[in-house]
Amino acid sequence: MKTQQRLKILSVSDFIDPSLTRQVEEKTLEPVDLIISCGDLPPEYLSFLRDRLDRPLFYVKGNHDIRYTDHNPVGCTHIHGRMMVFNSVKILGLDGSMWYNGGANQYRETEMKKIIQSLWFSIWRKGGVDILVTHAPPRHVHDAEDLCHRGFESFNRLIHNRKPGFLIHGHMHKPFNAHEDRITRIGPTKVINTCGYTIFEAAP
């Protein structure tokens, strides 16, 4: 039986980690297959990663991403509300944070619920989701009680119903000593805070 090839994914969000920039510039970063941004990074930085690493880059927008345009970040793909398939891995993206002051890329719970409901047919047609890419975390998982940093309950329902292998998010700034410190399991789903950067492997 043929073994499914695993994807090595570089995920970034929220702030530029100097150690990652140095590895990219010096070409010492371990090879990756795909780059994913979970939001709140300058569009020029995403273009830099896409260009220097020469790998596809998928992104969602965070609540501070107000300078993005249809043409910048250059060469990158905005995946909000879209089902993408990359090397048989099915990826779904959802922008933004909880509504707190009416700024860009902010959603009320009811709005996010409607967006997810509109995607059910696409999810079913693709045969489910392997990686859910968001900016905000799920409610009561890595989130906080202030409205800006509160997670979405609708993400929990999506995890419960579709059981993706991963939900990766940003938004919550926190130092980590090891990759495992970033992870909380909800059943079969690994919820990973990718603040700064991390590298993980995924398979269909």
N, C-alpha and C. Protein backbone atom coordinates (compact mmCIF):
# COMPACT_ATOMS: atom_id res chain seq x y z
N MET A 1 0.84 -1.19 0.00
CA MET A 1 0.00 0.00 0.00
C MET A 1 0.88 1.25 0.00
N LYS A 2 0.56 2.21 -0.89
CA LYS A 2 1.37 3.41 -1.02
C LYS A 2 1.12 4.34 0.17
N THR A 3 2.20 4.81 0.79
CA THR A 3 2.08 5.72 1.92
C THR A 3 1.81 7.13 1.43
N GLN A 4 0.83 7.82 2.05
CA GLN A 4 0.53 9.19 1.70
C GLN A 4 1.72 10.09 2.06
N GLN A 5 2.13 10.92 1.09
CA GLN A 5 3.23 11.84 1.35
C GLN A 5 2.78 12.94 2.30
N ARG A 6 3.62 13.24 3.27
CA ARG A 6 3.30 14.28 4.24
C ARG A 6 3.84 15.62 3.75
N LEU A 7 3.06 16.66 3.98
CA LEU A 7 3.47 18.01 3.64
C LEU A 7 4.19 18.64 4.82
N LYS A 8 5.28 19.32 4.55
CA LYS A 8 5.93 20.12 5.58
C LYS A 8 5.50 21.57 5.36
N ILE A 9 4.88 22.15 6.38
CA ILE A 9 4.26 23.47 6.25
C ILE A 9 4.90 24.46 7.21
N LEU A 10 5.30 25.61 6.68
CA LEU A 10 5.74 26.74 7.49
C LEU A 10 4.54 27.64 7.71
N SER A 11 4.16 27.85 8.97
CA SER A 11 3.04 28.73 9.30
C SER A 11 3.56 29.93 10.08
N VAL A 12 3.09 31.12 9.69
CA VAL A 12 3.54 32.37 10.31
C VAL A 12 2.32 33.22 10.69
N SER A 13 2.51 34.11 11.67
CA SER A 13 1.45 35.06 12.00
C SER A 13 1.96 36.10 13.00
N ASP A 14 1.30 37.25 12.98
CA ASP A 14 1.32 38.27 14.04
C ASP A 14 2.57 39.11 14.18
N PHE A 15 3.76 38.53 14.14
CA PHE A 15 4.96 39.35 14.19
C PHE A 15 6.09 38.64 13.45
N ILE A 16 7.01 39.45 12.97
CA ILE A 16 8.16 38.92 12.23
C ILE A 16 9.19 38.40 13.21
N ASP A 17 9.49 37.13 13.13
CA ASP A 17 10.49 36.52 14.00
C ASP A 17 11.87 36.68 13.34
N PRO A 18 12.79 37.41 13.97
CA PRO A 18 14.10 37.63 13.35
C PRO A 18 14.85 36.34 13.03
N SER A 19 14.64 35.32 13.84
CA SER A 19 15.36 34.06 13.58
C SER A 19 14.88 33.41 12.28
N LEU A 20 13.58 33.53 11.98
CA LEU A 20 13.07 33.00 10.71
C LEU A 20 13.62 33.81 9.55
N THR A 21 13.59 35.13 9.67
CA THR A 21 14.12 35.98 8.60
C THR A 21 15.58 35.64 8.32
N ARG A 22 16.35 35.45 9.37
CA ARG A 22 17.77 35.12 9.20
C ARG A 22 17.93 33.78 8.48
N GLN A 23 17.15 32.78 8.87
CA GLN A 23 17.25 31.47 8.21
C GLN A 23 16.86 31.55 6.74
N VAL A 24 15.84 32.35 6.44
CA VAL A 24 15.42 32.50 5.05
C VAL A 24 16.50 33.20 4.24
N GLU A 25 17.06 34.27 4.78
CA GLU A 25 18.10 35.02 4.06
C GLU A 25 19.37 34.22 3.88
N GLU A 26 19.71 33.41 4.88
CA GLU A 26 20.94 32.62 4.82
C GLU A 26 20.72 31.25 4.18
N LYS A 27 19.48 30.96 3.82
CA LYS A 27 19.10 29.70 3.17
C LYS A 27 19.43 28.49 4.04
N THR A 28 19.19 28.64 5.35
CA THR A 28 19.43 27.54 6.28
C THR A 28 18.14 26.93 6.82
N LEU A 29 16.99 27.50 6.42
CA LEU A 29 15.71 26.95 6.88
C LEU A 29 15.49 25.59 6.24
N GLU A 30 15.01 24.64 7.04
CA GLU A 30 14.70 23.33 6.48
C GLU A 30 13.68 23.47 5.36
N PRO A 31 13.78 22.66 4.29
CA PRO A 31 12.87 22.79 3.16
C PRO A 31 11.41 22.58 3.58
N VAL A 32 10.53 23.40 3.03
CA VAL A 32 9.09 23.26 3.28
C VAL A 32 8.37 23.15 1.94
N ASP A 33 7.16 22.61 1.98
CA ASP A 33 6.36 22.45 0.76
C ASP A 33 5.37 23.59 0.55
N LEU A 34 4.93 24.21 1.66
CA LEU A 34 3.88 25.21 1.60
C LEU A 34 4.07 26.20 2.74
N ILE A 35 3.71 27.46 2.50
CA ILE A 35 3.72 28.50 3.53
C ILE A 35 2.29 28.95 3.77
N ILE A 36 1.90 29.09 5.03
CA ILE A 36 0.57 29.59 5.38
C ILE A 36 0.72 30.74 6.37
N SER A 37 0.03 31.84 6.10
CA SER A 37 0.00 32.95 7.05
C SER A 37 -1.37 33.02 7.70
N CYS A 38 -1.37 33.08 9.04
CA CYS A 38 -2.62 33.21 9.80
C CYS A 38 -2.92 34.66 10.17
N GLY A 39 -2.28 35.61 9.48
CA GLY A 39 -2.70 37.00 9.60
C GLY A 39 -1.81 37.90 10.43
N ASP A 40 -2.08 39.21 10.28
CA ASP A 40 -1.41 40.30 11.01
C ASP A 40 0.09 40.36 10.74
N LEU A 41 0.44 40.20 9.47
CA LEU A 41 1.83 40.40 9.04
C LEU A 41 1.84 41.36 7.84
N PRO A 42 2.89 42.16 7.68
CA PRO A 42 2.96 43.07 6.53
C PRO A 42 2.89 42.29 5.21
N PRO A 43 2.15 42.80 4.23
CA PRO A 43 2.08 42.09 2.95
C PRO A 43 3.44 41.92 2.31
N GLU A 44 4.33 42.89 2.52
CA GLU A 44 5.68 42.80 1.94
C GLU A 44 6.46 41.62 2.51
N TYR A 45 6.20 41.29 3.77
CA TYR A 45 6.90 40.16 4.38
C TYR A 45 6.43 38.84 3.79
N LEU A 46 5.13 38.73 3.53
CA LEU A 46 4.63 37.52 2.88
C LEU A 46 5.22 37.39 1.48
N SER A 47 5.32 38.51 0.75
CA SER A 47 5.93 38.48 -0.58
C SER A 47 7.39 38.04 -0.49
N PHE A 48 8.09 38.51 0.54
CA PHE A 48 9.49 38.13 0.78
C PHE A 48 9.61 36.62 0.99
N LEU A 49 8.75 36.05 1.85
CA LEU A 49 8.80 34.61 2.10
C LEU A 49 8.48 33.82 0.84
N ARG A 50 7.45 34.26 0.13
CA ARG A 50 7.05 33.57 -1.12
C ARG A 50 8.19 33.60 -2.14
N ASP A 51 8.85 34.73 -2.26
CA ASP A 51 9.91 34.88 -3.26
C ASP A 51 11.17 34.10 -2.86
N ARG A 52 11.61 34.25 -1.61
CA ARG A 52 12.87 33.64 -1.20
C ARG A 52 12.77 32.12 -1.07
N LEU A 53 11.64 31.64 -0.58
CA LEU A 53 11.50 30.19 -0.39
C LEU A 53 10.96 29.50 -1.65
N ASP A 54 10.40 30.30 -2.57
CA ASP A 54 9.88 29.77 -3.83
C ASP A 54 8.89 28.64 -3.61
N ARG A 55 7.96 28.89 -2.70
CA ARG A 55 6.88 27.93 -2.42
C ARG A 55 5.54 28.67 -2.43
N PRO A 56 4.46 27.98 -2.73
CA PRO A 56 3.15 28.65 -2.67
C PRO A 56 2.89 29.18 -1.26
N LEU A 57 2.19 30.32 -1.18
CA LEU A 57 1.84 30.90 0.11
C LEU A 57 0.35 31.20 0.13
N PHE A 58 -0.37 30.57 1.06
CA PHE A 58 -1.78 30.84 1.30
C PHE A 58 -1.90 31.71 2.55
N TYR A 59 -2.88 32.63 2.55
CA TYR A 59 -3.03 33.48 3.73
C TYR A 59 -4.48 33.82 4.03
N VAL A 60 -4.74 34.09 5.31
CA VAL A 60 -5.97 34.75 5.74
C VAL A 60 -5.56 36.09 6.36
N LYS A 61 -6.51 37.01 6.42
CA LYS A 61 -6.22 38.33 6.98
C LYS A 61 -6.56 38.38 8.46
N GLY A 62 -5.73 39.11 9.20
CA GLY A 62 -6.01 39.38 10.60
C GLY A 62 -6.69 40.73 10.76
N ASN A 63 -7.02 41.06 11.99
CA ASN A 63 -7.74 42.31 12.24
C ASN A 63 -6.87 43.55 12.03
N HIS A 64 -5.56 43.39 11.90
CA HIS A 64 -4.69 44.54 11.64
C HIS A 64 -4.22 44.60 10.18
N ASP A 65 -4.69 43.70 9.36
CA ASP A 65 -4.25 43.66 7.95
C ASP A 65 -5.10 44.60 7.11
N ILE A 66 -4.75 45.89 7.14
CA ILE A 66 -5.54 46.90 6.43
C ILE A 66 -4.84 47.41 5.17
N ARG A 67 -3.60 46.95 4.92
CA ARG A 67 -2.87 47.43 3.74
C ARG A 67 -2.86 46.43 2.59
N TYR A 68 -3.53 45.30 2.77
CA TYR A 68 -3.54 44.30 1.71
C TYR A 68 -4.40 44.77 0.53
N THR A 69 -3.97 44.44 -0.69
CA THR A 69 -4.74 44.75 -1.89
C THR A 69 -4.88 43.48 -2.72
N ASP A 70 -5.56 43.59 -3.84
CA ASP A 70 -5.72 42.42 -4.73
C ASP A 70 -4.38 41.98 -5.31
N HIS A 71 -3.38 42.86 -5.31
CA HIS A 71 -2.09 42.54 -5.93
C HIS A 71 -0.94 42.46 -4.93
N ASN A 72 -1.23 42.64 -3.66
CA ASN A 72 -0.18 42.62 -2.65
C ASN A 72 -0.74 41.97 -1.38
N PRO A 73 -0.17 40.91 -0.85
CA PRO A 73 1.18 40.39 -1.10
C PRO A 73 1.32 39.70 -2.46
N VAL A 74 2.42 40.00 -3.12
CA VAL A 74 2.66 39.54 -4.48
C VAL A 74 2.84 38.02 -4.52
N GLY A 75 2.14 37.38 -5.44
CA GLY A 75 2.31 35.95 -5.66
C GLY A 75 1.67 35.05 -4.63
N CYS A 76 0.90 35.63 -3.69
CA CYS A 76 0.28 34.86 -2.61
C CYS A 76 -1.21 34.71 -2.85
N THR A 77 -1.85 33.75 -2.22
CA THR A 77 -3.25 33.44 -2.46
C THR A 77 -4.08 33.64 -1.21
N HIS A 78 -5.07 34.52 -1.30
CA HIS A 78 -6.00 34.78 -0.20
C HIS A 78 -7.04 33.66 -0.17
N ILE A 79 -7.18 32.96 0.94
CA ILE A 79 -8.04 31.77 0.97
C ILE A 79 -9.27 31.93 1.87
N HIS A 80 -9.62 33.17 2.24
CA HIS A 80 -10.83 33.36 3.05
C HIS A 80 -12.05 32.84 2.31
N GLY A 81 -12.80 31.96 2.98
CA GLY A 81 -14.02 31.42 2.40
C GLY A 81 -13.79 30.52 1.20
N ARG A 82 -12.59 29.97 1.08
CA ARG A 82 -12.25 29.13 -0.07
C ARG A 82 -11.70 27.78 0.38
N MET A 83 -12.07 26.74 -0.35
CA MET A 83 -11.50 25.42 -0.15
C MET A 83 -10.39 25.23 -1.17
N MET A 84 -9.17 25.07 -0.68
CA MET A 84 -8.01 24.85 -1.54
C MET A 84 -7.52 23.41 -1.36
N VAL A 85 -7.05 22.82 -2.44
CA VAL A 85 -6.44 21.49 -2.35
C VAL A 85 -5.01 21.59 -2.83
N PHE A 86 -4.07 21.25 -1.96
CA PHE A 86 -2.66 21.31 -2.28
C PHE A 86 -2.04 19.95 -1.98
N ASN A 87 -1.57 19.28 -3.02
CA ASN A 87 -1.01 17.93 -2.88
C ASN A 87 -1.94 17.02 -2.09
N SER A 88 -3.22 17.06 -2.44
CA SER A 88 -4.29 16.24 -1.85
C SER A 88 -4.71 16.68 -0.45
N VAL A 89 -4.05 17.67 0.14
CA VAL A 89 -4.43 18.18 1.45
C VAL A 89 -5.47 19.29 1.25
N LYS A 90 -6.61 19.16 1.92
CA LYS A 90 -7.73 20.10 1.75
C LYS A 90 -7.65 21.18 2.83
N ILE A 91 -7.62 22.43 2.38
CA ILE A 91 -7.36 23.57 3.27
C ILE A 91 -8.48 24.59 3.13
N LEU A 92 -9.02 25.04 4.26
CA LEU A 92 -10.08 26.04 4.28
C LEU A 92 -9.62 27.23 5.11
N GLY A 93 -9.83 28.45 4.59
CA GLY A 93 -9.40 29.65 5.28
C GLY A 93 -10.55 30.53 5.74
N LEU A 94 -10.37 31.19 6.90
CA LEU A 94 -11.37 32.12 7.44
C LEU A 94 -10.64 33.32 8.05
N ASP A 95 -10.91 34.50 7.51
CA ASP A 95 -10.28 35.74 7.97
C ASP A 95 -10.74 36.15 9.36
N GLY A 96 -9.97 37.05 9.96
CA GLY A 96 -10.46 37.98 10.96
C GLY A 96 -10.62 37.54 12.39
N SER A 97 -11.02 38.53 13.18
CA SER A 97 -11.24 38.36 14.61
C SER A 97 -12.70 38.65 14.95
N MET A 98 -13.04 38.49 16.21
CA MET A 98 -14.35 38.88 16.71
C MET A 98 -14.51 40.40 16.58
N TRP A 99 -15.73 40.84 16.26
CA TRP A 99 -16.02 42.27 16.15
C TRP A 99 -15.81 42.93 17.51
N TYR A 100 -15.06 44.04 17.50
CA TYR A 100 -14.86 44.77 18.76
C TYR A 100 -14.88 46.28 18.60
N ASN A 101 -14.57 46.82 17.41
CA ASN A 101 -14.67 48.27 17.24
C ASN A 101 -15.09 48.68 15.84
N GLY A 102 -15.49 47.71 15.03
CA GLY A 102 -15.96 48.02 13.69
C GLY A 102 -14.87 48.17 12.65
N GLY A 103 -13.65 47.79 12.98
CA GLY A 103 -12.55 47.89 12.03
C GLY A 103 -12.59 46.79 10.99
N ALA A 104 -11.55 46.75 10.16
CA ALA A 104 -11.47 45.77 9.08
C ALA A 104 -11.34 44.35 9.61
N ASN A 105 -11.88 43.41 8.85
CA ASN A 105 -11.72 41.98 9.12
C ASN A 105 -12.19 41.58 10.52
N GLN A 106 -13.32 42.17 10.93
CA GLN A 106 -13.93 41.81 12.21
C GLN A 106 -15.34 41.28 11.95
N TYR A 107 -15.72 40.24 12.68
CA TYR A 107 -17.00 39.57 12.44
C TYR A 107 -17.71 39.30 13.76
N ARG A 108 -19.00 39.49 13.73
CA ARG A 108 -19.80 39.02 14.85
C ARG A 108 -19.97 37.51 14.72
N GLU A 109 -20.29 36.87 15.82
CA GLU A 109 -20.45 35.41 15.80
C GLU A 109 -21.47 34.98 14.75
N THR A 110 -22.58 35.71 14.66
CA THR A 110 -23.61 35.34 13.67
C THR A 110 -23.09 35.47 12.25
N GLU A 111 -22.23 36.46 12.00
CA GLU A 111 -21.67 36.63 10.66
C GLU A 111 -20.73 35.49 10.30
N MET A 112 -19.88 35.10 11.24
CA MET A 112 -18.97 33.99 10.97
C MET A 112 -19.75 32.69 10.77
N LYS A 113 -20.80 32.51 11.55
CA LYS A 113 -21.63 31.31 11.40
C LYS A 113 -22.21 31.22 10.00
N LYS A 114 -22.69 32.36 9.47
CA LYS A 114 -23.26 32.37 8.12
C LYS A 114 -22.21 32.07 7.06
N ILE A 115 -21.00 32.60 7.25
CA ILE A 115 -19.93 32.31 6.29
C ILE A 115 -19.64 30.82 6.25
N ILE A 116 -19.54 30.21 7.43
CA ILE A 116 -19.24 28.78 7.49
C ILE A 116 -20.39 27.96 6.90
N GLN A 117 -21.63 28.35 7.19
CA GLN A 117 -22.79 27.63 6.63
C GLN A 117 -22.79 27.69 5.11
N SER A 118 -22.34 28.82 4.55
CA SER A 118 -22.31 28.95 3.08
C SER A 118 -21.26 28.05 2.44
N LEU A 119 -20.36 27.50 3.25
CA LEU A 119 -19.28 26.66 2.73
C LEU A 119 -19.56 25.17 2.85
N TRP A 120 -20.69 24.80 3.46
CA TRP A 120 -20.94 23.39 3.71
C TRP A 120 -20.91 22.55 2.44
N PHE A 121 -21.48 23.07 1.35
CA PHE A 121 -21.50 22.28 0.11
C PHE A 121 -20.08 22.08 -0.42
N SER A 122 -19.27 23.15 -0.41
CA SER A 122 -17.88 23.03 -0.86
C SER A 122 -17.10 22.04 -0.01
N ILE A 123 -17.33 22.09 1.30
CA ILE A 123 -16.65 21.15 2.20
C ILE A 123 -17.07 19.72 1.90
N TRP A 124 -18.37 19.51 1.72
CA TRP A 124 -18.88 18.17 1.41
C TRP A 124 -18.34 17.68 0.08
N ARG A 125 -18.34 18.56 -0.93
CA ARG A 125 -17.89 18.16 -2.27
C ARG A 125 -16.41 17.79 -2.27
N LYS A 126 -15.61 18.49 -1.47
CA LYS A 126 -14.18 18.18 -1.39
C LYS A 126 -13.88 16.99 -0.48
N GLY A 127 -14.89 16.54 0.26
CA GLY A 127 -14.67 15.38 1.13
C GLY A 127 -14.11 15.74 2.48
N GLY A 128 -14.42 16.96 2.97
CA GLY A 128 -13.98 17.34 4.30
C GLY A 128 -12.84 18.35 4.28
N VAL A 129 -12.29 18.61 5.46
CA VAL A 129 -11.20 19.58 5.63
C VAL A 129 -10.06 18.91 6.38
N ASP A 130 -8.84 19.09 5.88
CA ASP A 130 -7.66 18.60 6.59
C ASP A 130 -7.05 19.68 7.48
N ILE A 131 -6.99 20.91 6.96
CA ILE A 131 -6.41 22.02 7.72
C ILE A 131 -7.36 23.21 7.66
N LEU A 132 -7.79 23.69 8.80
CA LEU A 132 -8.60 24.90 8.91
C LEU A 132 -7.66 26.04 9.32
N VAL A 133 -7.58 27.07 8.48
CA VAL A 133 -6.67 28.20 8.71
C VAL A 133 -7.51 29.41 9.13
N THR A 134 -7.26 29.94 10.33
CA THR A 134 -8.00 31.08 10.84
C THR A 134 -7.03 32.09 11.44
N HIS A 135 -7.52 33.28 11.69
CA HIS A 135 -6.72 34.24 12.47
C HIS A 135 -7.05 34.08 13.95
N ALA A 136 -8.33 34.15 14.28
CA ALA A 136 -8.76 33.99 15.67
C ALA A 136 -8.81 32.51 16.05
N PRO A 137 -8.70 32.21 17.33
CA PRO A 137 -8.82 30.82 17.79
C PRO A 137 -10.29 30.44 17.99
N PRO A 138 -10.55 29.17 18.27
CA PRO A 138 -11.90 28.76 18.69
C PRO A 138 -12.20 29.31 20.09
N ARG A 139 -13.48 29.43 20.40
CA ARG A 139 -13.87 29.89 21.73
C ARG A 139 -13.40 28.91 22.80
N HIS A 140 -12.82 29.44 23.88
CA HIS A 140 -12.32 28.67 25.03
C HIS A 140 -11.11 27.81 24.72
N VAL A 141 -10.49 28.02 23.56
CA VAL A 141 -9.24 27.32 23.23
C VAL A 141 -8.22 28.37 22.81
N HIS A 142 -7.28 28.66 23.65
CA HIS A 142 -6.22 29.64 23.40
C HIS A 142 -6.73 31.08 23.38
N ASP A 143 -8.02 31.34 23.64
CA ASP A 143 -8.53 32.69 23.52
C ASP A 143 -8.52 33.41 24.87
N ALA A 144 -9.10 34.60 24.92
CA ALA A 144 -9.19 35.40 26.14
C ALA A 144 -10.62 35.92 26.27
N GLU A 145 -10.91 36.62 27.35
CA GLU A 145 -12.27 37.05 27.62
C GLU A 145 -12.58 38.44 27.06
N ASP A 146 -11.56 39.26 26.76
CA ASP A 146 -11.89 40.56 26.15
C ASP A 146 -12.40 40.32 24.74
N LEU A 147 -13.30 41.19 24.28
CA LEU A 147 -14.01 40.94 23.03
C LEU A 147 -13.07 40.79 21.85
N CYS A 148 -12.02 41.59 21.78
CA CYS A 148 -11.09 41.52 20.66
C CYS A 148 -10.46 40.13 20.52
N HIS A 149 -10.13 39.51 21.66
CA HIS A 149 -9.39 38.24 21.63
C HIS A 149 -10.26 37.03 21.95
N ARG A 150 -11.57 37.23 21.94
CA ARG A 150 -12.48 36.11 22.17
C ARG A 150 -12.56 35.26 20.90
N GLY A 151 -12.54 33.93 21.06
CA GLY A 151 -12.61 33.04 19.92
C GLY A 151 -14.03 32.83 19.43
N PHE A 152 -14.16 32.17 18.28
CA PHE A 152 -15.46 31.92 17.66
C PHE A 152 -16.01 30.55 18.05
N GLU A 153 -17.22 30.55 18.58
CA GLU A 153 -17.90 29.29 18.89
C GLU A 153 -18.17 28.50 17.62
N SER A 154 -18.39 29.19 16.51
CA SER A 154 -18.67 28.49 15.25
C SER A 154 -17.47 27.67 14.78
N PHE A 155 -16.26 28.04 15.20
CA PHE A 155 -15.10 27.21 14.88
C PHE A 155 -15.18 25.88 15.62
N ASN A 156 -15.67 25.91 16.87
CA ASN A 156 -15.83 24.67 17.62
C ASN A 156 -16.82 23.73 16.95
N ARG A 157 -17.91 24.30 16.45
CA ARG A 157 -18.90 23.46 15.76
C ARG A 157 -18.32 22.86 14.49
N LEU A 158 -17.53 23.65 13.77
CA LEU A 158 -16.90 23.14 12.55
C LEU A 158 -15.92 22.02 12.88
N ILE A 159 -15.14 22.19 13.95
CA ILE A 159 -14.25 21.13 14.39
C ILE A 159 -15.02 19.88 14.77
N HIS A 160 -16.11 20.04 15.51
CA HIS A 160 -16.91 18.90 15.96
C HIS A 160 -17.52 18.15 14.77
N ASN A 161 -18.01 18.90 13.79
CA ASN A 161 -18.72 18.28 12.67
C ASN A 161 -17.80 17.70 11.60
N ARG A 162 -16.68 18.38 11.33
CA ARG A 162 -15.83 17.96 10.21
C ARG A 162 -14.51 17.32 10.65
N LYS A 163 -14.12 17.51 11.91
CA LYS A 163 -12.92 16.86 12.47
C LYS A 163 -11.68 17.01 11.59
N PRO A 164 -11.28 18.27 11.32
CA PRO A 164 -10.02 18.46 10.57
C PRO A 164 -8.83 17.97 11.38
N GLY A 165 -7.77 17.63 10.70
CA GLY A 165 -6.56 17.23 11.41
C GLY A 165 -5.95 18.37 12.20
N PHE A 166 -6.09 19.60 11.63
CA PHE A 166 -5.49 20.78 12.26
C PHE A 166 -6.41 21.98 12.15
N LEU A 167 -6.41 22.81 13.18
CA LEU A 167 -6.84 24.19 13.07
C LEU A 167 -5.63 25.02 13.48
N ILE A 168 -5.15 25.86 12.56
CA ILE A 168 -4.01 26.71 12.88
C ILE A 168 -4.48 28.16 12.91
N HIS A 169 -4.01 28.91 13.90
CA HIS A 169 -4.47 30.28 14.09
C HIS A 169 -3.34 31.14 14.60
N GLY A 170 -3.59 32.46 14.63
CA GLY A 170 -2.66 33.41 15.22
C GLY A 170 -3.39 34.21 16.29
N HIS A 171 -3.21 35.54 16.26
CA HIS A 171 -3.97 36.50 17.06
C HIS A 171 -3.57 36.55 18.53
N MET A 172 -3.23 35.43 19.12
CA MET A 172 -2.90 35.36 20.54
C MET A 172 -1.38 35.34 20.71
N HIS A 173 -0.82 36.47 21.11
CA HIS A 173 0.64 36.60 21.25
C HIS A 173 1.09 35.91 22.54
N LYS A 174 2.01 34.97 22.38
CA LYS A 174 2.48 34.21 23.53
C LYS A 174 3.83 33.59 23.20
N PRO A 175 4.78 33.60 24.13
CA PRO A 175 6.06 32.92 23.88
C PRO A 175 5.92 31.41 24.08
N PHE A 176 6.68 30.67 23.29
CA PHE A 176 6.65 29.21 23.38
C PHE A 176 8.07 28.67 23.48
N ASN A 177 8.28 27.70 24.34
CA ASN A 177 9.58 27.06 24.47
C ASN A 177 9.74 25.87 23.54
N ALA A 178 8.61 25.28 23.12
CA ALA A 178 8.66 24.10 22.25
C ALA A 178 7.39 24.07 21.41
N HIS A 179 7.46 23.38 20.28
CA HIS A 179 6.31 23.28 19.38
C HIS A 179 5.10 22.69 20.11
N GLU A 180 5.34 21.71 20.96
CA GLU A 180 4.24 21.04 21.66
C GLU A 180 3.46 22.00 22.56
N ASP A 181 4.12 23.07 23.03
CA ASP A 181 3.44 24.04 23.88
C ASP A 181 2.39 24.83 23.13
N ARG A 182 2.46 24.82 21.81
CA ARG A 182 1.51 25.56 20.99
C ARG A 182 0.20 24.79 20.76
N ILE A 183 0.17 23.53 21.11
CA ILE A 183 -0.89 22.63 20.66
C ILE A 183 -1.88 22.31 21.77
N THR A 184 -3.17 22.37 21.43
CA THR A 184 -4.24 21.82 22.26
C THR A 184 -5.07 20.89 21.39
N ARG A 185 -5.36 19.71 21.91
CA ARG A 185 -6.15 18.75 21.14
C ARG A 185 -7.63 18.87 21.47
N ILE A 186 -8.45 18.86 20.42
CA ILE A 186 -9.90 18.73 20.55
C ILE A 186 -10.28 17.49 19.77
N GLY A 187 -10.42 16.38 20.46
CA GLY A 187 -10.64 15.11 19.76
C GLY A 187 -9.46 14.84 18.85
N PRO A 188 -9.71 14.56 17.56
CA PRO A 188 -8.61 14.26 16.64
C PRO A 188 -7.94 15.51 16.08
N THR A 189 -8.45 16.69 16.42
CA THR A 189 -7.95 17.95 15.85
C THR A 189 -6.87 18.57 16.73
N LYS A 190 -5.74 18.91 16.12
CA LYS A 190 -4.70 19.67 16.80
C LYS A 190 -4.92 21.16 16.53
N VAL A 191 -5.18 21.94 17.58
CA VAL A 191 -5.30 23.38 17.46
C VAL A 191 -3.93 23.97 17.78
N ILE A 192 -3.34 24.67 16.80
CA ILE A 192 -1.97 25.16 16.93
C ILE A 192 -1.96 26.69 16.84
N ASN A 193 -1.40 27.33 17.86
CA ASN A 193 -1.14 28.76 17.81
C ASN A 193 0.18 28.98 17.07
N THR A 194 0.11 29.58 15.89
CA THR A 194 1.32 29.72 15.07
C THR A 194 1.96 31.11 15.19
N CYS A 195 1.64 31.83 16.26
CA CYS A 195 2.19 33.16 16.50
C CYS A 195 3.71 33.14 16.34
N GLY A 196 4.24 34.10 15.56
CA GLY A 196 5.65 34.06 15.20
C GLY A 196 5.80 33.12 14.01
N TYR A 197 6.33 31.93 14.26
CA TYR A 197 6.34 30.92 13.20
C TYR A 197 6.50 29.54 13.82
N THR A 198 6.01 28.57 13.09
CA THR A 198 6.25 27.17 13.46
C THR A 198 6.21 26.33 12.20
N ILE A 199 6.74 25.13 12.27
CA ILE A 199 6.73 24.20 11.15
C ILE A 199 6.08 22.91 11.62
N PHE A 200 5.15 22.40 10.81
CA PHE A 200 4.49 21.14 11.17
C PHE A 200 4.24 20.33 9.90
N GLU A 201 3.91 19.08 10.08
CA GLU A 201 3.65 18.18 8.96
C GLU A 201 2.19 17.76 8.94
N ALA A 202 1.63 17.65 7.74
CA ALA A 202 0.23 17.25 7.58
C ALA A 202 0.11 16.31 6.39
N ALA A 203 -0.89 15.45 6.45
CA ALA A 203 -1.18 14.52 5.36
C ALA A 203 -2.69 14.52 5.13
N PRO A 204 -3.13 14.09 3.93
CA PRO A 204 -4.57 14.01 3.68
C PRO A 204 -5.28 13.12 4.67
